[in-house]
């Protein structure tokens, strides 16, 4: 299970992949209620991040995004060994 913590993304997110789209997203009803309608996608990628304790590391991150609404709820799923 990943670590669910908010983070600051430093630089560009690489190795981006789509994990789920639309009704395949378990949280789709909540996303639409909170942020509005859109073509929601759950994404993952690798980025340099600053953790809440100030540490900087490379991590696999997951987030939701919809056209016109941008990235929402970025979470660290796995910290990668350097």
N, C-alpha and C. Protein backbone atom coordinates (compact mmCIF):
# COMPACT_ATOMS: atom_id res chain seq x y z
N UNK A 1 0.85 -1.19 0.00
CA UNK A 1 0.00 0.00 0.00
C UNK A 1 0.88 1.24 0.00
N UNK A 2 0.55 2.22 -0.81
CA UNK A 2 1.35 3.43 -0.93
C UNK A 2 1.16 4.37 0.25
N UNK A 3 2.06 5.30 0.32
CA UNK A 3 1.99 6.30 1.37
C UNK A 3 1.12 7.45 0.86
N UNK A 4 0.04 7.74 1.56
CA UNK A 4 -0.87 8.79 1.11
C UNK A 4 -0.47 10.09 1.80
N UNK A 5 0.39 10.86 1.13
CA UNK A 5 0.82 12.13 1.69
C UNK A 5 0.81 13.16 0.58
N UNK A 6 0.51 14.40 0.96
CA UNK A 6 0.54 15.45 -0.05
C UNK A 6 2.00 15.85 -0.26
N UNK A 7 2.31 16.36 -1.44
CA UNK A 7 3.70 16.62 -1.78
C UNK A 7 3.80 17.77 -2.76
N UNK A 8 4.97 18.38 -2.83
CA UNK A 8 5.27 19.40 -3.84
C UNK A 8 6.07 18.72 -4.93
N UNK A 9 5.59 18.81 -6.17
CA UNK A 9 6.32 18.23 -7.30
C UNK A 9 7.34 19.25 -7.76
N UNK A 10 8.59 18.83 -7.87
CA UNK A 10 9.68 19.70 -8.31
C UNK A 10 10.07 19.31 -9.73
N UNK A 11 9.85 20.18 -10.68
CA UNK A 11 10.22 19.87 -12.06
C UNK A 11 9.13 19.13 -12.82
N UNK A 12 9.57 18.38 -13.82
CA UNK A 12 8.66 17.72 -14.76
C UNK A 12 8.37 16.29 -14.31
N UNK A 13 7.13 15.85 -14.52
CA UNK A 13 6.75 14.46 -14.24
C UNK A 13 7.07 13.63 -15.49
N UNK A 14 7.78 12.52 -15.30
CA UNK A 14 8.16 11.65 -16.42
C UNK A 14 7.47 10.30 -16.34
N UNK A 15 7.63 9.49 -17.39
CA UNK A 15 7.06 8.14 -17.45
C UNK A 15 5.57 8.12 -17.11
N UNK A 16 4.82 9.07 -17.66
CA UNK A 16 3.40 9.20 -17.36
C UNK A 16 2.60 8.10 -18.03
N UNK A 17 1.70 7.50 -17.26
CA UNK A 17 0.80 6.46 -17.78
C UNK A 17 -0.60 6.71 -17.27
N UNK A 18 -1.59 6.33 -18.06
CA UNK A 18 -2.99 6.37 -17.64
C UNK A 18 -3.29 5.06 -16.93
N UNK A 19 -3.85 5.13 -15.73
CA UNK A 19 -4.20 3.93 -14.97
C UNK A 19 -5.67 3.56 -15.20
N UNK A 20 -6.55 4.58 -15.19
CA UNK A 20 -7.98 4.33 -15.35
C UNK A 20 -8.64 5.57 -15.96
N UNK A 21 -9.79 5.35 -16.62
CA UNK A 21 -10.53 6.44 -17.26
C UNK A 21 -12.01 6.31 -16.92
N UNK A 22 -12.65 7.45 -16.65
CA UNK A 22 -14.10 7.50 -16.46
C UNK A 22 -14.62 6.56 -15.39
N UNK A 23 -15.60 5.72 -15.75
CA UNK A 23 -16.27 4.87 -14.77
C UNK A 23 -15.36 3.78 -14.19
N UNK A 24 -14.18 3.58 -14.77
CA UNK A 24 -13.21 2.64 -14.21
C UNK A 24 -12.55 3.19 -12.94
N UNK A 25 -12.69 4.49 -12.70
CA UNK A 25 -12.11 5.13 -11.51
C UNK A 25 -13.07 4.91 -10.35
N UNK A 26 -12.58 4.31 -9.27
CA UNK A 26 -13.44 4.02 -8.12
C UNK A 26 -14.01 5.29 -7.49
N UNK A 27 -13.27 6.38 -7.55
CA UNK A 27 -13.67 7.63 -6.89
C UNK A 27 -14.39 8.60 -7.83
N UNK A 28 -14.90 8.14 -8.96
CA UNK A 28 -15.42 9.04 -9.99
C UNK A 28 -16.57 9.92 -9.49
N UNK A 29 -17.48 9.36 -8.71
CA UNK A 29 -18.61 10.14 -8.22
C UNK A 29 -18.13 11.28 -7.31
N UNK A 30 -17.17 10.99 -6.44
CA UNK A 30 -16.64 12.03 -5.53
C UNK A 30 -15.88 13.10 -6.32
N UNK A 31 -15.09 12.69 -7.30
CA UNK A 31 -14.35 13.67 -8.11
C UNK A 31 -15.30 14.63 -8.82
N UNK A 32 -16.36 14.08 -9.40
CA UNK A 32 -17.34 14.93 -10.10
C UNK A 32 -18.06 15.86 -9.14
N UNK A 33 -18.35 15.37 -7.95
CA UNK A 33 -19.04 16.20 -6.95
C UNK A 33 -18.14 17.34 -6.45
N UNK A 34 -16.88 17.02 -6.18
CA UNK A 34 -15.96 18.00 -5.62
C UNK A 34 -15.43 18.98 -6.67
N UNK A 35 -15.01 18.47 -7.85
CA UNK A 35 -14.32 19.30 -8.84
C UNK A 35 -15.13 19.60 -10.09
N UNK A 36 -16.20 18.86 -10.35
CA UNK A 36 -17.02 19.10 -11.52
C UNK A 36 -16.89 17.99 -12.56
N UNK A 37 -17.77 18.08 -13.55
CA UNK A 37 -17.77 17.08 -14.62
C UNK A 37 -16.57 17.28 -15.52
N UNK A 38 -16.15 16.21 -16.12
CA UNK A 38 -15.02 16.25 -17.05
C UNK A 38 -14.65 14.83 -17.42
N UNK A 39 -13.73 14.69 -18.34
CA UNK A 39 -13.23 13.36 -18.73
C UNK A 39 -12.10 13.02 -17.78
N UNK A 40 -12.46 12.44 -16.65
CA UNK A 40 -11.50 12.16 -15.58
C UNK A 40 -10.61 10.97 -15.94
N UNK A 41 -9.32 11.11 -15.61
CA UNK A 41 -8.34 10.05 -15.79
C UNK A 41 -7.50 9.94 -14.53
N UNK A 42 -7.20 8.71 -14.12
CA UNK A 42 -6.25 8.49 -13.03
C UNK A 42 -4.91 8.21 -13.68
N UNK A 43 -3.88 8.96 -13.25
CA UNK A 43 -2.58 8.92 -13.88
C UNK A 43 -1.50 8.52 -12.88
N UNK A 44 -0.36 8.05 -13.43
CA UNK A 44 0.80 7.84 -12.58
C UNK A 44 2.04 8.28 -13.35
N UNK A 45 3.09 8.63 -12.59
CA UNK A 45 4.34 9.05 -13.20
C UNK A 45 5.44 9.11 -12.16
N UNK A 46 6.63 9.46 -12.60
CA UNK A 46 7.80 9.55 -11.73
C UNK A 46 8.22 11.02 -11.67
N UNK A 47 8.50 11.51 -10.46
CA UNK A 47 8.90 12.91 -10.32
C UNK A 47 9.80 13.10 -9.10
N UNK A 48 10.53 14.20 -9.13
CA UNK A 48 11.28 14.63 -7.96
C UNK A 48 10.29 15.38 -7.08
N UNK A 49 10.18 15.00 -5.82
CA UNK A 49 9.18 15.59 -4.93
C UNK A 49 9.80 16.06 -3.62
N UNK A 50 9.13 17.04 -3.00
CA UNK A 50 9.49 17.47 -1.66
C UNK A 50 8.41 16.95 -0.72
N UNK A 51 8.81 16.11 0.22
CA UNK A 51 7.88 15.52 1.18
C UNK A 51 7.54 16.52 2.28
N UNK A 52 6.49 16.27 3.06
CA UNK A 52 6.10 17.19 4.13
C UNK A 52 7.22 17.48 5.15
N UNK A 53 8.15 16.52 5.34
CA UNK A 53 9.25 16.75 6.29
C UNK A 53 10.42 17.51 5.66
N UNK A 54 10.29 17.91 4.37
CA UNK A 54 11.32 18.69 3.70
C UNK A 54 12.29 17.86 2.88
N UNK A 55 12.26 16.53 3.01
CA UNK A 55 13.15 15.67 2.25
C UNK A 55 12.79 15.72 0.76
N UNK A 56 13.82 15.66 -0.09
CA UNK A 56 13.61 15.66 -1.53
C UNK A 56 14.04 14.30 -2.08
N UNK A 57 13.17 13.65 -2.86
CA UNK A 57 13.48 12.33 -3.40
C UNK A 57 12.67 12.09 -4.67
N UNK A 58 13.07 11.02 -5.41
CA UNK A 58 12.29 10.60 -6.57
C UNK A 58 11.21 9.65 -6.09
N UNK A 59 10.02 9.80 -6.64
CA UNK A 59 8.91 8.97 -6.19
C UNK A 59 7.94 8.70 -7.33
N UNK A 60 7.21 7.58 -7.21
CA UNK A 60 6.08 7.32 -8.09
C UNK A 60 4.90 8.06 -7.49
N UNK A 61 4.25 8.88 -8.30
CA UNK A 61 3.10 9.64 -7.82
C UNK A 61 1.87 9.27 -8.63
N UNK A 62 0.71 9.39 -8.01
CA UNK A 62 -0.57 9.17 -8.67
C UNK A 62 -1.39 10.45 -8.51
N UNK A 63 -2.25 10.74 -9.48
CA UNK A 63 -3.13 11.89 -9.41
C UNK A 63 -4.31 11.67 -10.35
N UNK A 64 -5.30 12.55 -10.19
CA UNK A 64 -6.45 12.57 -11.09
C UNK A 64 -6.36 13.84 -11.91
N UNK A 65 -6.83 13.78 -13.17
CA UNK A 65 -6.88 15.00 -13.96
C UNK A 65 -8.04 14.92 -14.95
N UNK A 66 -8.55 16.10 -15.28
CA UNK A 66 -9.60 16.22 -16.29
C UNK A 66 -9.29 17.46 -17.12
N UNK A 67 -9.59 17.40 -18.40
CA UNK A 67 -9.33 18.52 -19.31
C UNK A 67 -10.00 19.78 -18.77
N UNK A 68 -9.26 20.85 -18.68
CA UNK A 68 -9.79 22.11 -18.20
C UNK A 68 -9.79 22.25 -16.68
N UNK A 69 -9.57 21.17 -15.97
CA UNK A 69 -9.56 21.21 -14.51
C UNK A 69 -8.17 20.99 -13.92
N UNK A 70 -7.29 20.37 -14.69
CA UNK A 70 -5.91 20.17 -14.25
C UNK A 70 -5.71 18.99 -13.32
N UNK A 71 -4.52 18.92 -12.72
CA UNK A 71 -4.15 17.82 -11.82
C UNK A 71 -4.76 18.07 -10.44
N UNK A 72 -5.30 17.03 -9.87
CA UNK A 72 -5.91 17.11 -8.54
C UNK A 72 -5.42 15.94 -7.70
N UNK A 73 -5.26 16.17 -6.41
CA UNK A 73 -4.97 15.13 -5.42
C UNK A 73 -3.71 14.32 -5.74
N UNK A 74 -2.59 15.00 -5.88
CA UNK A 74 -1.32 14.32 -6.14
C UNK A 74 -0.87 13.61 -4.87
N UNK A 75 -0.56 12.32 -5.00
CA UNK A 75 -0.16 11.49 -3.86
C UNK A 75 1.09 10.71 -4.16
N UNK A 76 1.96 10.55 -3.16
CA UNK A 76 3.13 9.68 -3.29
C UNK A 76 2.67 8.25 -3.06
N UNK A 77 2.97 7.37 -4.01
CA UNK A 77 2.62 5.97 -3.87
C UNK A 77 3.82 5.14 -3.47
N UNK A 78 5.01 5.53 -3.93
CA UNK A 78 6.20 4.74 -3.65
C UNK A 78 7.41 5.65 -3.79
N UNK A 79 8.30 5.62 -2.80
CA UNK A 79 9.56 6.34 -2.88
C UNK A 79 10.56 5.42 -3.56
N UNK A 80 11.26 5.95 -4.56
CA UNK A 80 12.18 5.15 -5.36
C UNK A 80 13.60 5.28 -4.84
N UNK A 81 14.31 4.17 -4.79
CA UNK A 81 15.71 4.17 -4.37
C UNK A 81 16.54 4.83 -5.45
N UNK A 82 17.47 5.65 -5.05
CA UNK A 82 18.34 6.36 -6.01
C UNK A 82 19.41 5.44 -6.54
